[in-house]
Amino acid sequence: MNKKLVLVIIVALVLSLSGLSTLLLTSPPRKKTKKIRYGGQYYPGEFLLLGKPEFWEKYGLKVEHILFSSGSENNEALISGKIDINCGSEAKTIALFNAIPKDALIIGVVQRGNRYSTVVRVDSPYHSWKDLTGKTVATRLGTGAEYVLRKYFEQVGLKWEDFNWVNLKVEDMIAALEKGQIEAFTAWEPTPSIAEAKGIGRVMRTYGDVDPVPAFIHTTKHFAYSNRDVVVKFLAAHLDKAEMITENPHEAAEIASQAAKEMGINVSSEAFEKVFKRINFSIDFNKELIDKVYDAANFLYEQGKIDKIPKLAWDRSFVEQAEQLRGK
């Protein structure tokens, strides 16, 4: 082979390899997907997250999103290390901090406000609890619904014994109301909105003015401070979710309804839209909201429902950084 030709080939090969090396050195590193295990519950906003994984993907997160039917199971999963982050109502927040007082940490909120409602039949004559005196009414005892009702009764001077209580599962409440087996039920969303959307029930009263009953986002101090960037991105996705609910509840409701349907749960988009307009889904929190948990703990302690009042730990810096990440 001609020596000049060989030399040209060698020079070209060297330049080619040099260019490839430069490209590899100057190209931005491939974005790694970070995994997180999240224990949710059957809260309305959770279905929107399930139906729109782009909330997570936008921040390079892959989330194993597990919905627990019980807040107690949700707490147990976090305590045992099977999940990294979970969410739960005031009562479950109290239980979590009593279980792992040195490691539990509050980092955000998934919902608050008019989470609980008392529903009567759409054509009933009842407009207040006074009208229901002596009637058969239902709730799920041992839940936040019972707590908010007892707190309301204490505020207005009603007696628990003046009503005939039925301990009913939320999935059976609408049918029992329609059949006339009960005159009213008190439950958390989306059950009240489903009853409304079906034309069976009418909301007689909500309880956001009695107690916002916040459902908090919890994790462990170890996980939070060892994985700050992941936690911040996780909360940024929740902030995006909350923004969509506020700015476009109709689209959010359609996505949530479809996600529920894929899980075998029939909740219409109309019902979800009612929920999204009724509840406050803001993620941020303050000392005033933390104090509500202490109020609940004191109330439950006085009622003999818990043995001790826990000391809570929280850190708003994760939400603050999430807001900065989103540029809001």
C-alpha atoms as a PDB file:
ATOM      1  CA  MET A   1       0.000   0.000   0.000  1.00  0.00           C
ATOM      2  CA  ASN A   2       1.208   3.509  -0.794  1.00  0.00           C
ATOM      3  CA  LYS A   3       3.014   4.969   2.221  1.00  0.00           C
ATOM      4  CA  LYS A   4       1.300   8.353   1.744  1.00  0.00           C
ATOM      5  CA  LEU A   5      -2.120   6.651   1.738  1.00  0.00           C
ATOM      6  CA  VAL A   6      -1.295   4.739   4.921  1.00  0.00           C
ATOM      7  CA  LEU A   7      -0.210   7.995   6.583  1.00  0.00           C
ATOM      8  CA  VAL A   8      -3.460   9.727   5.602  1.00  0.00           C
ATOM      9  CA  ILE A   9      -5.520   6.844   7.044  1.00  0.00           C
ATOM     10  CA  ILE A  10      -3.592   6.920  10.329  1.00  0.00           C
ATOM     11  CA  VAL A  11      -3.989  10.698  10.679  1.00  0.00           C
ATOM     12  CA  ALA A  12      -7.706  10.450   9.923  1.00  0.00           C
ATOM     13  CA  LEU A  13      -8.109   7.662  12.514  1.00  0.00           C
ATOM     14  CA  VAL A  14      -6.267   9.658  15.169  1.00  0.00           C
ATOM     15  CA  LEU A  15      -8.400  12.736  14.517  1.00  0.00           C
ATOM     16  CA  SER A  16     -11.558  10.645  14.608  1.00  0.00           C
ATOM     17  CA  LEU A  17     -10.662   9.078  17.966  1.00  0.00           C
ATOM     18  CA  SER A  18      -9.632  12.467  19.306  1.00  0.00           C
ATOM     19  CA  GLY A  19     -12.962  13.960  18.285  1.00  0.00           C
ATOM     20  CA  LEU A  20     -14.872  11.097  19.902  1.00  0.00           C
ATOM     21  CA  SER A  21     -12.881  11.519  23.097  1.00  0.00           C
ATOM     22  CA  THR A  22     -13.615  15.247  23.147  1.00  0.00           C
ATOM     23  CA  LEU A  23     -17.311  14.584  22.556  1.00  0.00           C
ATOM     24  CA  LEU A  24     -17.447  12.135  25.478  1.00  0.00           C
ATOM     25  CA  LEU A  25     -15.669  14.578  27.758  1.00  0.00           C
ATOM     26  CA  THR A  26     -17.782  17.607  26.838  1.00  0.00           C
ATOM     27  CA  SER A  27     -21.211  15.942  26.528  1.00  0.00           C
ATOM     28  CA  PRO A  28     -23.420  16.363  29.608  1.00  0.00           C
ATOM     29  CA  PRO A  29     -23.698  13.204  31.722  1.00  0.00           C
ATOM     30  CA  ARG A  30     -26.812  11.148  31.153  1.00  0.00           C
ATOM     31  CA  LYS A  31     -29.476  12.017  33.707  1.00  0.00           C
ATOM     32  CA  LYS A  32     -29.884   9.139  36.151  1.00  0.00           C
ATOM     33  CA  THR A  33     -33.371   8.159  37.187  1.00  0.00           C
ATOM     34  CA  LYS A  34     -33.640   8.135  40.954  1.00  0.00           C
ATOM     35  CA  LYS A  35     -35.991   5.672  42.589  1.00  0.00           C
ATOM     36  CA  ILE A  36     -38.203   6.303  45.582  1.00  0.00           C
ATOM     37  CA  ARG A  37     -40.817   4.174  47.364  1.00  0.00           C
ATOM     38  CA  TYR A  38     -43.894   6.182  48.319  1.00  0.00           C
ATOM     39  CA  GLY A  39     -46.744   4.931  50.476  1.00  0.00           C
ATOM     40  CA  GLY A  40     -49.895   6.807  49.556  1.00  0.00           C
ATOM     41  CA  GLN A  41     -53.492   6.276  50.614  1.00  0.00           C
ATOM     42  CA  TYR A  42     -56.843   6.410  48.825  1.00  0.00           C
ATOM     43  CA  TYR A  43     -56.768  10.210  48.885  1.00  0.00           C
ATOM     44  CA  PRO A  44     -58.079  12.091  45.810  1.00  0.00           C
ATOM     45  CA  GLY A  45     -54.748  13.667  44.864  1.00  0.00           C
ATOM     46  CA  GLU A  46     -53.041  10.272  44.885  1.00  0.00           C
ATOM     47  CA  PHE A  47     -55.108   9.135  41.911  1.00  0.00           C
ATOM     48  CA  LEU A  48     -53.973  12.169  39.940  1.00  0.00           C
ATOM     49  CA  LEU A  49     -50.353  11.248  40.684  1.00  0.00           C
ATOM     50  CA  LEU A  50     -51.009   7.684  39.543  1.00  0.00           C
ATOM     51  CA  GLY A  51     -52.617   8.867  36.319  1.00  0.00           C
ATOM     52  CA  LYS A  52     -49.904  11.356  35.428  1.00  0.00           C
ATOM     53  CA  PRO A  53     -46.422   9.863  36.026  1.00  0.00           C
ATOM     54  CA  GLU A  54     -44.991  12.865  34.171  1.00  0.00           C
ATOM     55  CA  PHE A  55     -45.133  14.677  37.518  1.00  0.00           C
ATOM     56  CA  TRP A  56     -42.283  12.422  38.694  1.00  0.00           C
ATOM     57  CA  GLU A  57     -40.518  11.943  35.363  1.00  0.00           C
ATOM     58  CA  LYS A  58     -40.057  15.688  34.940  1.00  0.00           C
ATOM     59  CA  TYR A  59     -37.600  15.581  37.836  1.00  0.00           C
ATOM     60  CA  GLY A  60     -35.883  12.344  36.889  1.00  0.00           C
ATOM     61  CA  LEU A  61     -37.716  10.310  39.526  1.00  0.00           C
ATOM     62  CA  LYS A  62     -39.070   6.801  39.274  1.00  0.00           C
ATOM     63  CA  VAL A  63     -41.633   6.357  42.027  1.00  0.00           C
ATOM     64  CA  GLU A  64     -42.979   3.060  43.278  1.00  0.00           C
ATOM     65  CA  HIS A  65     -46.342   4.468  44.326  1.00  0.00           C
ATOM     66  CA  ILE A  66     -48.212   2.096  46.638  1.00  0.00           C
ATOM     67  CA  LEU A  67     -51.725   2.905  47.854  1.00  0.00           C
ATOM     68  CA  PHE A  68     -52.487   1.512  51.301  1.00  0.00           C
ATOM     69  CA  SER A  69     -56.104   1.041  52.363  1.00  0.00           C
ATOM     70  CA  SER A  70     -55.154   1.666  55.985  1.00  0.00           C
ATOM     71  CA  GLY A  71     -53.099   4.468  57.513  1.00  0.00           C
ATOM     72  CA  SER A  72     -51.840   1.981  60.093  1.00  0.00           C
ATOM     73  CA  GLU A  73     -50.426  -0.267  57.340  1.00  0.00           C
ATOM     74  CA  ASN A  74     -48.902   2.813  55.735  1.00  0.00           C
ATOM     75  CA  ASN A  75     -47.119   3.716  58.987  1.00  0.00           C
ATOM     76  CA  GLU A  76     -45.935   0.156  59.527  1.00  0.00           C
ATOM     77  CA  ALA A  77     -44.390   0.133  56.045  1.00  0.00           C
ATOM     78  CA  LEU A  78     -42.414   3.322  56.792  1.00  0.00           C
ATOM     79  CA  ILE A  79     -41.326   2.109  60.231  1.00  0.00           C
ATOM     80  CA  SER A  80     -40.128  -1.232  58.840  1.00  0.00           C
ATOM     81  CA  GLY A  81     -38.233   0.422  55.966  1.00  0.00           C
ATOM     82  CA  LYS A  82     -40.402  -1.021  53.199  1.00  0.00           C
ATOM     83  CA  ILE A  83     -41.110   2.513  51.909  1.00  0.00           C
ATOM     84  CA  ASP A  84     -39.189   5.788  52.081  1.00  0.00           C
ATOM     85  CA  ILE A  85     -41.993   8.359  52.411  1.00  0.00           C
ATOM     86  CA  ASN A  86     -45.666   8.124  53.334  1.00  0.00           C
ATOM     87  CA  CYS A  87     -48.680  10.286  54.086  1.00  0.00           C
ATOM     88  CA  GLY A  88     -51.347  10.204  56.755  1.00  0.00           C
ATOM     89  CA  SER A  89     -53.943  12.137  58.711  1.00  0.00           C
ATOM     90  CA  GLU A  90     -53.413  13.808  62.085  1.00  0.00           C
ATOM     91  CA  ALA A  91     -54.205  10.623  63.987  1.00  0.00           C
ATOM     92  CA  LYS A  92     -51.698   8.624  61.949  1.00  0.00           C
ATOM     93  CA  THR A  93     -49.090  11.379  62.316  1.00  0.00           C
ATOM     94  CA  ILE A  94     -49.527  11.126  66.083  1.00  0.00           C
ATOM     95  CA  ALA A  95     -49.243   7.337  65.954  1.00  0.00           C
ATOM     96  CA  LEU A  96     -46.096   7.511  63.802  1.00  0.00           C
ATOM     97  CA  PHE A  97     -44.305   9.903  66.154  1.00  0.00           C
ATOM     98  CA  ASN A  98     -45.278   7.786  69.148  1.00  0.00           C
ATOM     99  CA  ALA A  99     -43.808   4.740  67.369  1.00  0.00           C
ATOM    100  CA  ILE A 100     -40.500   6.271  66.141  1.00  0.00           C
ATOM    101  CA  PRO A 101     -40.154   9.554  68.082  1.00  0.00           C
ATOM    102  CA  LYS A 102     -36.463  10.064  67.295  1.00  0.00           C
ATOM    103  CA  ASP A 103     -36.641   9.482  63.536  1.00  0.00           C
ATOM    104  CA  ALA A 104     -40.059  10.620  62.223  1.00  0.00           C
ATOM    105  CA  LEU A 105     -40.123  13.878  60.265  1.00  0.00           C
ATOM    106  CA  ILE A 106     -42.888  15.983  58.678  1.00  0.00           C
ATOM    107  CA  ILE A 107     -41.879  17.465  55.319  1.00  0.00           C
ATOM    108  CA  GLY A 108     -45.167  18.536  53.717  1.00  0.00           C
ATOM    109  CA  VAL A 109     -48.952  18.216  53.481  1.00  0.00           C
ATOM    110  CA  VAL A 110     -51.095  16.455  50.868  1.00  0.00           C
ATOM    111  CA  GLN A 111     -54.485  17.891  51.823  1.00  0.00           C
ATOM    112  CA  ARG A 112     -56.378  19.858  54.451  1.00  0.00           C
ATOM    113  CA  GLY A 113     -59.646  21.696  54.976  1.00  0.00           C
ATOM    114  CA  ASN A 114     -63.077  20.292  54.112  1.00  0.00           C
ATOM    115  CA  ARG A 115     -61.923  16.698  53.968  1.00  0.00           C
ATOM    116  CA  TYR A 116     -64.865  15.372  55.959  1.00  0.00           C
ATOM    117  CA  SER A 117     -68.564  15.890  55.292  1.00  0.00           C
ATOM    118  CA  THR A 118     -71.881  14.784  56.727  1.00  0.00           C
ATOM    119  CA  VAL A 119     -74.189  13.607  53.939  1.00  0.00           C
ATOM    120  CA  VAL A 120     -77.966  13.186  54.021  1.00  0.00           C
ATOM    121  CA  ARG A 121     -80.313  11.996  51.270  1.00  0.00           C
ATOM    122  CA  VAL A 122     -80.779  14.573  48.558  1.00  0.00           C
ATOM    123  CA  ASP A 123     -84.527  14.864  49.278  1.00  0.00           C
ATOM    124  CA  SER A 124     -84.282  14.688  53.086  1.00  0.00           C
ATOM    125  CA  PRO A 125     -85.615  17.414  55.417  1.00  0.00           C
ATOM    126  CA  TYR A 126     -82.415  17.491  57.511  1.00  0.00           C
ATOM    127  CA  HIS A 127     -80.319  20.650  57.557  1.00  0.00           C
ATOM    128  CA  SER A 128     -78.470  20.407  60.880  1.00  0.00           C
ATOM    129  CA  TRP A 129     -77.393  17.873  63.470  1.00  0.00           C
ATOM    130  CA  LYS A 130     -80.236  19.087  65.663  1.00  0.00           C
ATOM    131  CA  ASP A 131     -82.642  17.791  63.007  1.00  0.00           C
ATOM    132  CA  LEU A 132     -80.971  14.371  63.251  1.00  0.00           C
ATOM    133  CA  THR A 133     -81.417  13.961  67.009  1.00  0.00           C
ATOM    134  CA  GLY A 134     -82.523  10.397  67.784  1.00  0.00           C
ATOM    135  CA  LYS A 135     -81.901   9.244  64.193  1.00  0.00           C
ATOM    136  CA  THR A 136     -79.703   6.407  62.941  1.00  0.00           C
ATOM    137  CA  VAL A 137     -76.461   7.857  61.574  1.00  0.00           C
ATOM    138  CA  ALA A 138     -73.191   6.302  60.478  1.00  0.00           C
ATOM    139  CA  THR A 139     -69.489   6.928  60.491  1.00  0.00           C
ATOM    140  CA  ARG A 140     -66.357   4.806  60.626  1.00  0.00           C
ATOM    141  CA  LEU A 141     -65.421   4.709  64.295  1.00  0.00           C
ATOM    142  CA  GLY A 142     -61.756   5.098  65.184  1.00  0.00           C
ATOM    143  CA  THR A 143     -61.019   7.328  62.188  1.00  0.00           C
ATOM    144  CA  GLY A 144     -60.528  11.044  61.618  1.00  0.00           C
ATOM    145  CA  ALA A 145     -64.253  11.255  60.886  1.00  0.00           C
ATOM    146  CA  GLU A 146     -65.093  10.268  64.445  1.00  0.00           C
ATOM    147  CA  TYR A 147     -62.462  12.662  65.773  1.00  0.00           C
ATOM    148  CA  VAL A 148     -63.768  15.689  63.856  1.00  0.00           C
ATOM    149  CA  LEU A 149     -67.362  14.863  64.794  1.00  0.00           C
ATOM    150  CA  ARG A 150     -66.562  14.554  68.496  1.00  0.00           C
ATOM    151  CA  LYS A 151     -64.663  17.825  68.354  1.00  0.00           C
ATOM    152  CA  TYR A 152     -67.606  19.522  66.640  1.00  0.00           C
ATOM    153  CA  PHE A 153     -70.088  18.072  69.130  1.00  0.00           C
ATOM    154  CA  GLU A 154     -67.967  19.376  72.013  1.00  0.00           C
ATOM    155  CA  GLN A 155     -67.875  22.851  70.452  1.00  0.00           C
ATOM    156  CA  VAL A 156     -71.650  23.124  69.946  1.00  0.00           C
ATOM    157  CA  GLY A 157     -72.786  21.185  73.021  1.00  0.00           C
ATOM    158  CA  LEU A 158     -74.213  18.104  71.312  1.00  0.00           C
ATOM    159  CA  LYS A 159     -74.184  14.716  73.038  1.00  0.00           C
ATOM    160  CA  TRP A 160     -72.886  11.634  71.244  1.00  0.00           C
ATOM    161  CA  GLU A 161     -75.518   9.522  73.000  1.00  0.00           C
ATOM    162  CA  ASP A 162     -78.371  11.525  71.437  1.00  0.00           C
ATOM    163  CA  PHE A 163     -77.840   9.693  68.126  1.00  0.00           C
ATOM    164  CA  ASN A 164     -78.047   6.031  67.132  1.00  0.00           C
ATOM    165  CA  TRP A 165     -74.569   5.324  65.752  1.00  0.00           C
ATOM    166  CA  VAL A 166     -73.711   2.643  63.199  1.00  0.00           C
ATOM    167  CA  ASN A 167     -70.050   1.755  62.619  1.00  0.00           C
ATOM    168  CA  LEU A 168     -70.003   1.429  58.839  1.00  0.00           C
ATOM    169  CA  LYS A 169     -67.315   0.944  56.197  1.00  0.00           C
ATOM    170  CA  VAL A 170     -67.115   3.919  53.840  1.00  0.00           C
ATOM    171  CA  GLU A 171     -67.724   1.705  50.817  1.00  0.00           C
ATOM    172  CA  ASP A 172     -71.134   0.736  52.251  1.00  0.00           C
ATOM    173  CA  MET A 173     -72.325   4.192  53.300  1.00  0.00           C
ATOM    174  CA  ILE A 174     -73.886   5.436  50.055  1.00  0.00           C
ATOM    175  CA  ALA A 175     -75.945   2.267  49.561  1.00  0.00           C
ATOM    176  CA  ALA A 176     -77.111   2.330  53.189  1.00  0.00           C
ATOM    177  CA  LEU A 177     -78.182   5.960  52.795  1.00  0.00           C
ATOM    178  CA  GLU A 178     -80.039   5.265  49.552  1.00  0.00           C
ATOM    179  CA  LYS A 179     -81.885   2.299  51.057  1.00  0.00           C
ATOM    180  CA  GLY A 180     -82.962   4.335  54.083  1.00  0.00           C
ATOM    181  CA  GLN A 181     -80.992   2.182  56.532  1.00  0.00           C
ATOM    182  CA  ILE A 182     -79.356   5.349  57.852  1.00  0.00           C
ATOM    183  CA  GLU A 183     -80.372   9.001  57.751  1.00  0.00           C
ATOM    184  CA  ALA A 184     -76.872  10.419  57.393  1.00  0.00           C
ATOM    185  CA  PHE A 185     -73.225   9.431  57.212  1.00  0.00           C
ATOM    186  CA  THR A 186     -70.003  11.270  57.932  1.00  0.00           C
ATOM    187  CA  ALA A 187     -66.984  10.303  55.827  1.00  0.00           C
ATOM    188  CA  TRP A 188     -63.888  11.585  54.120  1.00  0.00           C
ATOM    189  CA  GLU A 189     -63.591  12.417  50.454  1.00  0.00           C
ATOM    190  CA  PRO A 190     -64.239  11.191  47.836  1.00  0.00           C
ATOM    191  CA  THR A 191     -67.239   9.315  49.327  1.00  0.00           C
ATOM    192  CA  PRO A 192     -69.348  12.467  49.967  1.00  0.00           C
ATOM    193  CA  SER A 193     -68.698  13.787  46.455  1.00  0.00           C
ATOM    194  CA  ILE A 194     -69.531  10.406  44.921  1.00  0.00           C
ATOM    195  CA  ALA A 195     -72.873  10.465  46.732  1.00  0.00           C
ATOM    196  CA  GLU A 196     -73.514  13.959  45.361  1.00  0.00           C
ATOM    197  CA  ALA A 197     -72.462  13.093  41.814  1.00  0.00           C
ATOM    198  CA  LYS A 198     -74.794  10.062  41.823  1.00  0.00           C
ATOM    199  CA  GLY A 199     -77.700  12.261  42.915  1.00  0.00           C
ATOM    200  CA  ILE A 200     -78.177  10.211  46.096  1.00  0.00           C
ATOM    201  CA  GLY A 201     -76.762  12.515  48.745  1.00  0.00           C
ATOM    202  CA  ARG A 202     -76.506  16.157  49.753  1.00  0.00           C
ATOM    203  CA  VAL A 203     -73.711  17.551  51.883  1.00  0.00           C
ATOM    204  CA  MET A 204     -75.305  18.882  55.054  1.00  0.00           C
ATOM    205  CA  ARG A 205     -72.077  20.097  56.613  1.00  0.00           C
ATOM    206  CA  THR A 206     -68.308  20.159  56.119  1.00  0.00           C
ATOM    207  CA  TYR A 207     -65.795  20.497  58.963  1.00  0.00           C
ATOM    208  CA  GLY A 208     -62.884  22.590  57.753  1.00  0.00           C
ATOM    209  CA  ASP A 209     -63.970  25.327  60.146  1.00  0.00           C
ATOM    210  CA  VAL A 210     -63.816  22.876  63.070  1.00  0.00           C
ATOM    211  CA  ASP A 211     -60.389  21.476  62.201  1.00  0.00           C
ATOM    212  CA  PRO A 212     -58.468  21.417  58.891  1.00  0.00           C
ATOM    213  CA  VAL A 213     -57.422  17.841  59.793  1.00  0.00           C
ATOM    214  CA  PRO A 214     -54.252  17.987  57.677  1.00  0.00           C
ATOM    215  CA  ALA A 215     -52.859  14.854  56.074  1.00  0.00           C
ATOM    216  CA  PHE A 216     -49.078  15.180  56.289  1.00  0.00           C
ATOM    217  CA  ILE A 217     -46.198  13.839  54.236  1.00  0.00           C
ATOM    218  CA  HIS A 218     -43.786  11.990  56.521  1.00  0.00           C
ATOM    219  CA  THR A 219     -40.401  10.377  56.153  1.00  0.00           C
ATOM    220  CA  THR A 220     -37.519   9.491  58.443  1.00  0.00           C
ATOM    221  CA  LYS A 221     -34.754  11.909  59.360  1.00  0.00           C
ATOM    222  CA  HIS A 222     -32.201   9.404  58.106  1.00  0.00           C
ATOM    223  CA  PHE A 223     -33.775   9.186  54.654  1.00  0.00           C
ATOM    224  CA  ALA A 224     -34.517  12.907  54.362  1.00  0.00           C
ATOM    225  CA  TYR A 225     -31.048  14.160  55.228  1.00  0.00           C
ATOM    226  CA  SER A 226     -29.259  11.398  53.316  1.00  0.00           C
ATOM    227  CA  ASN A 227     -31.335  12.000  50.165  1.00  0.00           C
ATOM    228  CA  ARG A 228     -32.164  15.711  50.219  1.00  0.00           C
ATOM    229  CA  ASP A 229     -32.101  16.110  46.431  1.00  0.00           C
ATOM    230  CA  VAL A 230     -34.538  13.225  45.952  1.00  0.00           C
ATOM    231  CA  VAL A 231     -36.917  14.516  48.628  1.00  0.00           C
ATOM    232  CA  VAL A 232     -36.863  18.030  47.148  1.00  0.00           C
ATOM    233  CA  LYS A 233     -37.717  16.704  43.676  1.00  0.00           C
ATOM    234  CA  PHE A 234     -40.429  14.488  45.159  1.00  0.00           C
ATOM    235  CA  LEU A 235     -42.053  17.532  46.782  1.00  0.00           C
ATOM    236  CA  ALA A 236     -41.654  19.568  43.597  1.00  0.00           C
ATOM    237  CA  ALA A 237     -43.786  16.958  41.817  1.00  0.00           C
ATOM    238  CA  HIS A 238     -46.413  17.296  44.562  1.00  0.00           C
ATOM    239  CA  LEU A 239     -46.356  21.073  44.095  1.00  0.00           C
ATOM    240  CA  ASP A 240     -46.968  20.591  40.363  1.00  0.00           C
ATOM    241  CA  LYS A 241     -49.870  18.262  41.195  1.00  0.00           C
ATOM    242  CA  ALA A 242     -51.413  20.822  43.571  1.00  0.00           C
ATOM    243  CA  GLU A 243     -51.030  23.569  40.965  1.00  0.00           C
ATOM    244  CA  MET A 244     -52.869  21.501  38.350  1.00  0.00           C
ATOM    245  CA  ILE A 245     -55.722  20.803  40.771  1.00  0.00           C
ATOM    246  CA  THR A 246     -56.093  24.525  41.445  1.00  0.00           C
ATOM    247  CA  GLU A 247     -55.687  25.790  37.894  1.00  0.00           C
ATOM    248  CA  ASN A 248     -57.348  23.002  35.918  1.00  0.00           C
ATOM    249  CA  PRO A 249     -59.564  20.895  38.210  1.00  0.00           C
ATOM    250  CA  HIS A 250     -61.588  19.558  35.265  1.00  0.00           C
ATOM    251  CA  GLU A 251     -58.594  17.986  33.494  1.00  0.00           C
ATOM    252  CA  ALA A 252     -57.140  16.829  36.818  1.00  0.00           C
ATOM    253  CA  ALA A 253     -60.461  15.135  37.616  1.00  0.00           C
ATOM    254  CA  GLU A 254     -60.570  13.307  34.287  1.00  0.00           C
ATOM    255  CA  ILE A 255     -57.034  11.974  34.797  1.00  0.00           C
ATOM    256  CA  ALA A 256     -57.775  10.904  38.385  1.00  0.00           C
ATOM    257  CA  SER A 257     -61.015   9.208  37.370  1.00  0.00           C
ATOM    258  CA  GLN A 258     -59.291   7.195  34.644  1.00  0.00           C
ATOM    259  CA  ALA A 259     -56.503   6.162  37.038  1.00  0.00           C
ATOM    260  CA  ALA A 260     -59.084   5.005  39.585  1.00  0.00           C
ATOM    261  CA  LYS A 261     -60.942   3.065  36.870  1.00  0.00           C
ATOM    262  CA  GLU A 262     -57.740   1.241  35.927  1.00  0.00           C
ATOM    263  CA  MET A 263     -57.500   0.126  39.565  1.00  0.00           C
ATOM    264  CA  GLY A 264     -61.078  -1.143  39.491  1.00  0.00           C
ATOM    265  CA  ILE A 265     -62.427   1.828  41.461  1.00  0.00           C
ATOM    266  CA  ASN A 266     -65.418   3.641  39.984  1.00  0.00           C
ATOM    267  CA  VAL A 267     -65.234   7.358  40.797  1.00  0.00           C
ATOM    268  CA  SER A 268     -66.594   9.696  38.148  1.00  0.00           C
ATOM    269  CA  SER A 269     -64.678  12.720  36.940  1.00  0.00           C
ATOM    270  CA  GLU A 270     -67.604  14.826  38.189  1.00  0.00           C
ATOM    271  CA  ALA A 271     -67.056  13.492  41.710  1.00  0.00           C
ATOM    272  CA  PHE A 272     -63.314  14.125  41.537  1.00  0.00           C
ATOM    273  CA  GLU A 273     -63.891  17.667  40.317  1.00  0.00           C
ATOM    274  CA  LYS A 274     -66.166  18.355  43.301  1.00  0.00           C
ATOM    275  CA  VAL A 275     -63.423  17.039  45.597  1.00  0.00           C
ATOM    276  CA  PHE A 276     -60.713  19.100  43.936  1.00  0.00           C
ATOM    277  CA  LYS A 277     -62.763  22.263  44.381  1.00  0.00           C
ATOM    278  CA  ARG A 278     -63.712  21.458  47.996  1.00  0.00           C
ATOM    279  CA  ILE A 279     -60.365  20.483  49.560  1.00  0.00           C
ATOM    280  CA  ASN A 280     -57.174  22.501  49.941  1.00  0.00           C
ATOM    281  CA  PHE A 281     -54.286  20.570  48.364  1.00  0.00           C
ATOM    282  CA  SER A 282     -51.485  23.021  49.245  1.00  0.00           C
ATOM    283  CA  ILE A 283     -48.213  21.277  50.092  1.00  0.00           C
ATOM    284  CA  ASP A 284     -46.599  23.926  52.302  1.00  0.00           C
ATOM    285  CA  PHE A 285     -47.261  24.145  56.018  1.00  0.00           C
ATOM    286  CA  ASN A 286     -46.514  26.304  59.055  1.00  0.00           C
ATOM    287  CA  LYS A 287     -46.370  26.161  62.845  1.00  0.00           C
ATOM    288  CA  GLU A 288     -50.109  26.863  63.054  1.00  0.00           C
ATOM    289  CA  LEU A 289     -50.855  23.645  61.177  1.00  0.00           C
ATOM    290  CA  ILE A 290     -48.430  21.707  63.382  1.00  0.00           C
ATOM    291  CA  ASP A 291     -50.260  23.079  66.420  1.00  0.00           C
ATOM    292  CA  LYS A 292     -53.463  21.523  65.059  1.00  0.00           C
ATOM    293  CA  VAL A 293     -51.821  18.128  65.441  1.00  0.00           C
ATOM    294  CA  TYR A 294     -51.000  18.921  69.060  1.00  0.00           C
ATOM    295  CA  ASP A 295     -54.646  19.963  69.537  1.00  0.00           C
ATOM    296  CA  ALA A 296     -55.726  16.608  68.127  1.00  0.00           C
ATOM    297  CA  ALA A 297     -53.216  14.746  70.298  1.00  0.00           C
ATOM    298  CA  ASN A 298     -54.465  16.498  73.434  1.00  0.00           C
ATOM    299  CA  PHE A 299     -58.065  15.770  72.498  1.00  0.00           C
ATOM    300  CA  LEU A 300     -57.345  12.083  71.829  1.00  0.00           C
ATOM    301  CA  TYR A 301     -55.365  11.834  75.067  1.00  0.00           C
ATOM    302  CA  GLU A 302     -58.259  13.287  77.062  1.00  0.00           C
ATOM    303  CA  GLN A 303     -60.608  10.844  75.323  1.00  0.00           C
ATOM    304  CA  GLY A 304     -58.338   7.954  76.329  1.00  0.00           C
ATOM    305  CA  LYS A 305     -57.589   7.115  72.683  1.00  0.00           C
ATOM    306  CA  ILE A 306     -53.791   7.461  73.041  1.00  0.00           C
ATOM    307  CA  ASP A 307     -51.399   6.891  75.960  1.00  0.00           C
ATOM    308  CA  LYS A 308     -49.055   9.816  75.360  1.00  0.00           C
ATOM    309  CA  ILE A 309     -48.668  13.053  73.419  1.00  0.00           C
ATOM    310  CA  PRO A 310     -45.668  12.889  71.076  1.00  0.00           C
ATOM    311  CA  LYS A 311     -43.113  15.579  70.334  1.00  0.00           C
ATOM    312  CA  LEU A 312     -43.292  16.412  66.627  1.00  0.00           C
ATOM    313  CA  ALA A 313     -40.376  17.181  64.314  1.00  0.00           C
ATOM    314  CA  TRP A 314     -40.706  19.027  61.022  1.00  0.00           C
ATOM    315  CA  ASP A 315     -38.562  20.763  58.423  1.00  0.00           C
ATOM    316  CA  ARG A 316     -39.953  23.258  55.878  1.00  0.00           C
ATOM    317  CA  SER A 317     -36.621  23.639  54.085  1.00  0.00           C
ATOM    318  CA  PHE A 318     -37.462  20.749  51.740  1.00  0.00           C
ATOM    319  CA  VAL A 319     -40.635  22.476  50.505  1.00  0.00           C
ATOM    320  CA  GLU A 320     -38.783  25.782  50.209  1.00  0.00           C
ATOM    321  CA  GLN A 321     -36.110  24.176  48.043  1.00  0.00           C
ATOM    322  CA  ALA A 322     -38.785  22.432  45.969  1.00  0.00           C
ATOM    323  CA  GLU A 323     -40.410  25.798  45.271  1.00  0.00           C
ATOM    324  CA  GLN A 324     -37.025  27.194  44.228  1.00  0.00           C
ATOM    325  CA  LEU A 325     -36.456  24.201  41.952  1.00  0.00           C
ATOM    326  CA  ARG A 326     -39.747  24.895  40.199  1.00  0.00           C
ATOM    327  CA  GLY A 327     -38.879  28.588  39.909  1.00  0.00           C
ATOM    328  CA  LYS A 328     -42.126  29.668  41.544  1.00  0.00           C
END
